N, C-alpha and C. Protein backbone atom coordinates (compact mmCIF):
# COMPACT_ATOMS: atom_id res chain seq x y z
N MET A 1 0.94 -1.01 0.04
CA MET A 1 0.06 -0.01 0.08
C MET A 1 0.95 1.15 -0.01
N GLU A 2 0.75 2.08 -1.01
CA GLU A 2 1.45 3.58 -0.85
C GLU A 2 0.90 4.52 0.21
N ILE A 3 2.28 5.09 0.75
CA ILE A 3 1.60 6.24 1.63
C ILE A 3 2.08 7.21 1.59
N GLU A 4 1.26 8.47 1.71
CA GLU A 4 1.22 9.71 1.26
C GLU A 4 1.24 10.43 2.41
N PHE A 5 1.58 11.56 2.34
CA PHE A 5 1.67 12.57 3.69
C PHE A 5 1.11 13.95 3.09
N THR A 6 0.30 14.63 4.13
CA THR A 6 -0.13 15.85 3.95
C THR A 6 0.77 16.87 4.08
N PRO A 7 0.64 17.97 3.90
CA PRO A 7 2.01 19.07 4.08
C PRO A 7 1.98 19.11 5.31
N LYS A 8 0.84 19.19 6.21
CA LYS A 8 0.77 19.18 7.62
C LYS A 8 1.46 18.32 8.32
N ALA A 9 1.33 17.00 7.71
CA ALA A 9 1.96 15.77 8.26
C ALA A 9 3.61 15.73 7.87
N LEU A 10 3.87 16.29 6.82
CA LEU A 10 5.06 16.09 6.32
C LEU A 10 6.15 17.19 7.43
N SER A 11 5.44 18.27 7.64
CA SER A 11 6.17 19.28 8.52
C SER A 11 6.07 18.78 9.99
N GLN A 12 5.34 18.04 10.35
CA GLN A 12 5.23 17.37 11.71
C GLN A 12 6.35 16.37 11.77
N LEU A 13 6.50 15.40 10.57
CA LEU A 13 7.66 14.46 10.95
C LEU A 13 8.85 15.33 10.52
N ASP A 14 9.00 16.28 9.67
CA ASP A 14 10.33 16.99 9.63
C ASP A 14 10.70 17.13 11.13
N TYR A 15 9.84 17.72 11.91
CA TYR A 15 10.02 18.33 13.67
C TYR A 15 10.61 17.13 13.93
N TRP A 16 9.82 16.06 13.98
CA TRP A 16 10.81 14.89 14.44
C TRP A 16 12.11 14.65 14.45
N LYS A 17 12.03 14.74 13.23
CA LYS A 17 13.49 14.39 12.51
C LYS A 17 14.45 15.61 12.97
N GLN A 18 14.49 16.92 13.20
CA GLN A 18 15.19 17.66 13.77
C GLN A 18 15.34 17.69 15.14
N THR A 19 14.19 17.26 15.91
CA THR A 19 14.43 16.91 17.16
C THR A 19 15.60 15.67 17.49
N GLY A 20 15.65 14.74 16.66
CA GLY A 20 16.82 13.57 16.96
C GLY A 20 15.79 12.46 17.80
N ASN A 21 14.65 12.63 17.65
CA ASN A 21 14.07 11.50 18.37
C ASN A 21 13.87 10.38 18.19
N GLU A 22 14.92 9.41 18.11
CA GLU A 22 14.97 8.37 17.30
C GLU A 22 13.71 7.13 17.73
N ALA A 23 13.54 7.21 18.97
CA ALA A 23 12.04 6.42 19.76
C ALA A 23 10.93 6.77 19.15
N ILE A 24 10.50 8.06 18.56
CA ILE A 24 9.62 8.47 18.01
C ILE A 24 9.64 8.25 16.66
N LEU A 25 10.53 8.34 15.88
CA LEU A 25 10.83 7.91 14.51
C LEU A 25 10.52 6.82 14.10
N ARG A 26 11.25 5.73 15.14
CA ARG A 26 11.23 4.33 15.08
C ARG A 26 9.70 3.90 15.14
N ARG A 27 8.96 4.34 16.15
CA ARG A 27 7.51 3.98 16.42
C ARG A 27 6.67 4.91 15.34
N ILE A 28 6.93 5.71 14.75
CA ILE A 28 6.27 6.38 13.49
C ILE A 28 6.67 5.35 12.56
N ARG A 29 7.59 4.87 12.06
CA ARG A 29 8.05 3.82 11.18
C ARG A 29 7.24 2.50 11.04
N ALA A 30 7.24 2.07 12.57
CA ALA A 30 6.43 0.61 12.77
C ALA A 30 5.19 0.92 12.72
N LEU A 31 4.31 2.02 12.99
CA LEU A 31 3.20 2.23 12.61
C LEU A 31 2.71 2.03 11.33
N LEU A 32 3.38 2.60 10.37
CA LEU A 32 3.29 2.95 9.28
C LEU A 32 3.36 1.55 8.71
N GLU A 33 4.57 1.10 9.03
CA GLU A 33 4.59 -0.83 8.30
C GLU A 33 3.35 -1.51 8.82
N SER A 34 2.63 -1.33 10.17
CA SER A 34 1.58 -1.89 10.24
C SER A 34 0.48 -1.73 9.63
N ILE A 35 0.21 -0.44 9.50
CA ILE A 35 -0.91 0.26 8.82
C ILE A 35 -0.96 -0.18 7.28
N ALA A 36 0.14 -0.22 6.53
CA ALA A 36 0.25 -0.68 5.58
C ALA A 36 0.01 -1.87 5.01
N TYR A 37 0.18 -2.97 6.19
CA TYR A 37 -0.05 -4.19 6.43
C TYR A 37 -1.59 -4.42 6.58
N SER A 38 -2.03 -3.82 7.51
CA SER A 38 -3.43 -3.96 7.90
C SER A 38 -3.83 -2.67 8.43
N PRO A 39 -4.50 -2.19 7.64
CA PRO A 39 -4.93 -0.36 7.82
C PRO A 39 -5.84 -0.33 9.32
N PHE A 40 -6.56 -1.48 9.67
CA PHE A 40 -7.48 -1.15 10.79
C PHE A 40 -7.52 -1.98 11.90
N SER A 41 -6.09 -2.63 12.02
CA SER A 41 -5.96 -3.47 13.30
C SER A 41 -4.11 -3.52 13.21
N GLY A 42 -3.61 -3.81 14.27
CA GLY A 42 -2.46 -4.17 14.69
C GLY A 42 -2.08 -2.90 15.67
N ILE A 43 -0.63 -2.55 15.82
CA ILE A 43 -0.39 -1.85 16.92
C ILE A 43 -0.74 -0.56 16.99
N GLY A 44 -0.49 -0.14 17.97
CA GLY A 44 -0.64 1.36 18.24
C GLY A 44 -2.53 1.70 18.46
N LYS A 45 -2.80 0.71 19.05
CA LYS A 45 -4.33 0.72 19.24
C LYS A 45 -5.10 1.36 18.34
N PRO A 46 -5.46 0.91 17.13
CA PRO A 46 -6.27 1.43 16.01
C PRO A 46 -7.62 2.05 16.66
N GLU A 47 -8.10 3.32 16.16
CA GLU A 47 -9.28 3.72 16.61
C GLU A 47 -10.10 4.51 15.66
N ALA A 48 -11.20 4.24 15.03
CA ALA A 48 -11.86 4.97 14.16
C ALA A 48 -12.12 6.52 14.84
N LEU A 49 -11.90 7.38 14.52
CA LEU A 49 -12.36 8.67 14.77
C LEU A 49 -13.99 9.08 14.75
N LYS A 50 -14.19 10.11 15.19
CA LYS A 50 -15.58 10.07 15.00
C LYS A 50 -16.11 11.81 14.95
N HIS A 51 -17.38 12.25 14.68
CA HIS A 51 -17.73 13.59 14.70
C HIS A 51 -17.02 13.82 13.25
N GLN A 52 -16.48 15.33 13.36
CA GLN A 52 -15.88 15.79 12.44
C GLN A 52 -14.80 15.01 11.99
N LEU A 53 -14.12 13.95 12.39
CA LEU A 53 -13.11 13.31 12.08
C LEU A 53 -13.51 11.80 11.61
N SER A 54 -14.83 11.98 11.35
CA SER A 54 -15.14 10.49 10.83
C SER A 54 -14.69 10.03 9.88
N GLY A 55 -14.44 8.71 9.13
CA GLY A 55 -13.60 8.47 8.03
C GLY A 55 -11.94 8.34 8.29
N PHE A 56 -11.51 8.96 9.68
CA PHE A 56 -10.01 8.87 9.83
C PHE A 56 -9.83 8.10 10.98
N TRP A 57 -8.76 7.66 10.86
CA TRP A 57 -8.28 6.67 11.88
C TRP A 57 -7.29 7.19 12.71
N SER A 58 -6.86 6.82 14.13
CA SER A 58 -5.97 7.09 14.99
C SER A 58 -4.96 5.93 15.53
N ARG A 59 -3.79 5.95 15.58
CA ARG A 59 -2.85 5.14 16.08
C ARG A 59 -2.29 5.81 17.32
N ARG A 60 -1.57 5.30 18.41
CA ARG A 60 -0.98 6.27 19.34
C ARG A 60 0.50 6.00 18.86
N ILE A 61 1.27 6.91 18.99
CA ILE A 61 2.78 7.03 18.69
C ILE A 61 3.18 6.89 20.34
N ASN A 62 2.68 7.67 21.55
CA ASN A 62 3.12 7.69 22.50
C ASN A 62 1.65 7.99 23.18
N ASP A 63 2.01 8.42 24.82
CA ASP A 63 0.86 9.06 25.26
C ASP A 63 0.09 10.37 24.99
N GLU A 64 1.20 11.28 24.51
CA GLU A 64 0.86 12.45 24.03
C GLU A 64 0.36 12.84 22.67
N HIS A 65 0.91 11.61 21.73
CA HIS A 65 1.18 12.03 20.08
C HIS A 65 0.16 11.04 19.51
N ARG A 66 -0.44 11.13 18.55
CA ARG A 66 -1.27 10.16 17.52
C ARG A 66 -0.60 10.41 16.18
N LEU A 67 -0.97 9.24 15.40
CA LEU A 67 -0.83 9.34 14.12
C LEU A 67 -2.17 9.12 13.54
N VAL A 68 -2.68 10.12 12.78
CA VAL A 68 -4.16 10.18 12.18
C VAL A 68 -4.10 9.89 10.46
N TYR A 69 -4.67 9.00 10.12
CA TYR A 69 -4.66 8.84 8.86
C TYR A 69 -5.95 8.20 7.96
N THR A 70 -6.05 8.14 7.15
CA THR A 70 -7.13 7.80 6.19
C THR A 70 -6.83 6.76 5.05
N ILE A 71 -7.77 6.01 4.45
CA ILE A 71 -7.33 5.03 3.42
C ILE A 71 -8.34 5.70 2.22
N LYS A 72 -7.67 5.78 0.98
CA LYS A 72 -8.46 6.33 -0.18
C LYS A 72 -7.65 5.67 -1.39
N ASP A 73 -8.37 5.03 -1.90
CA ASP A 73 -7.85 4.27 -3.30
C ASP A 73 -6.75 3.49 -3.09
N ASP A 74 -6.61 2.68 -2.22
CA ASP A 74 -5.68 1.45 -1.82
C ASP A 74 -4.23 2.73 -1.33
N LYS A 75 -4.71 3.69 -0.67
CA LYS A 75 -3.49 4.52 -0.51
C LYS A 75 -3.61 4.75 1.06
N VAL A 76 -2.63 5.26 1.78
CA VAL A 76 -2.58 5.51 3.23
C VAL A 76 -2.16 7.10 3.16
N ILE A 77 -3.38 7.98 3.45
CA ILE A 77 -2.69 9.45 3.73
C ILE A 77 -2.66 9.68 4.87
N VAL A 78 -1.66 10.01 5.49
CA VAL A 78 -1.28 10.58 6.86
C VAL A 78 -1.63 12.08 6.97
N VAL A 79 -2.18 12.35 7.99
CA VAL A 79 -2.74 14.05 7.87
C VAL A 79 -1.92 14.49 9.30
N GLN A 80 -1.48 13.55 9.96
CA GLN A 80 -0.83 14.15 11.35
C GLN A 80 -0.23 12.92 12.16
N CYS A 81 1.04 13.71 12.81
CA CYS A 81 1.91 12.78 13.57
C CYS A 81 2.52 13.34 14.52
N ARG A 82 1.65 14.06 15.04
CA ARG A 82 2.26 15.06 16.19
C ARG A 82 1.06 15.52 17.01
N PHE A 83 1.17 15.69 18.22
CA PHE A 83 -0.36 16.11 18.91
C PHE A 83 -1.08 15.13 19.00
N HIS A 84 -2.22 15.60 19.98
CA HIS A 84 -3.51 14.50 20.03
C HIS A 84 -4.39 14.99 19.11
N TYR A 85 -4.68 14.17 18.08
CA TYR A 85 -5.90 14.74 16.98
C TYR A 85 -5.78 16.36 16.35
N SER A 86 -6.59 17.14 16.70
CA SER A 86 -6.48 18.44 15.99
C SER A 86 -5.78 19.56 16.44
N LYS A 87 -4.69 19.73 16.94
CA LYS A 87 -4.15 20.71 17.87
C LYS A 87 -3.54 21.59 16.76
């Protein structure tokens, strides 16, 4: 499955690279591998989001940060990889 990042998600990923936080970067990579294999189950406690975020899914990077994504046309679109939902 192809993985695509929105500009916001790319900016957040760049932030993690700049901080040098290898643990977070490894976790994001592991989550993306799991999503590509099985978008709605696996590590990170996948959760279907509700209300204005209906159609999006969330997985835990850690207690504070979430990876938020959606699936469109056999493509994973990552919309957020920092903060807790829409901060």
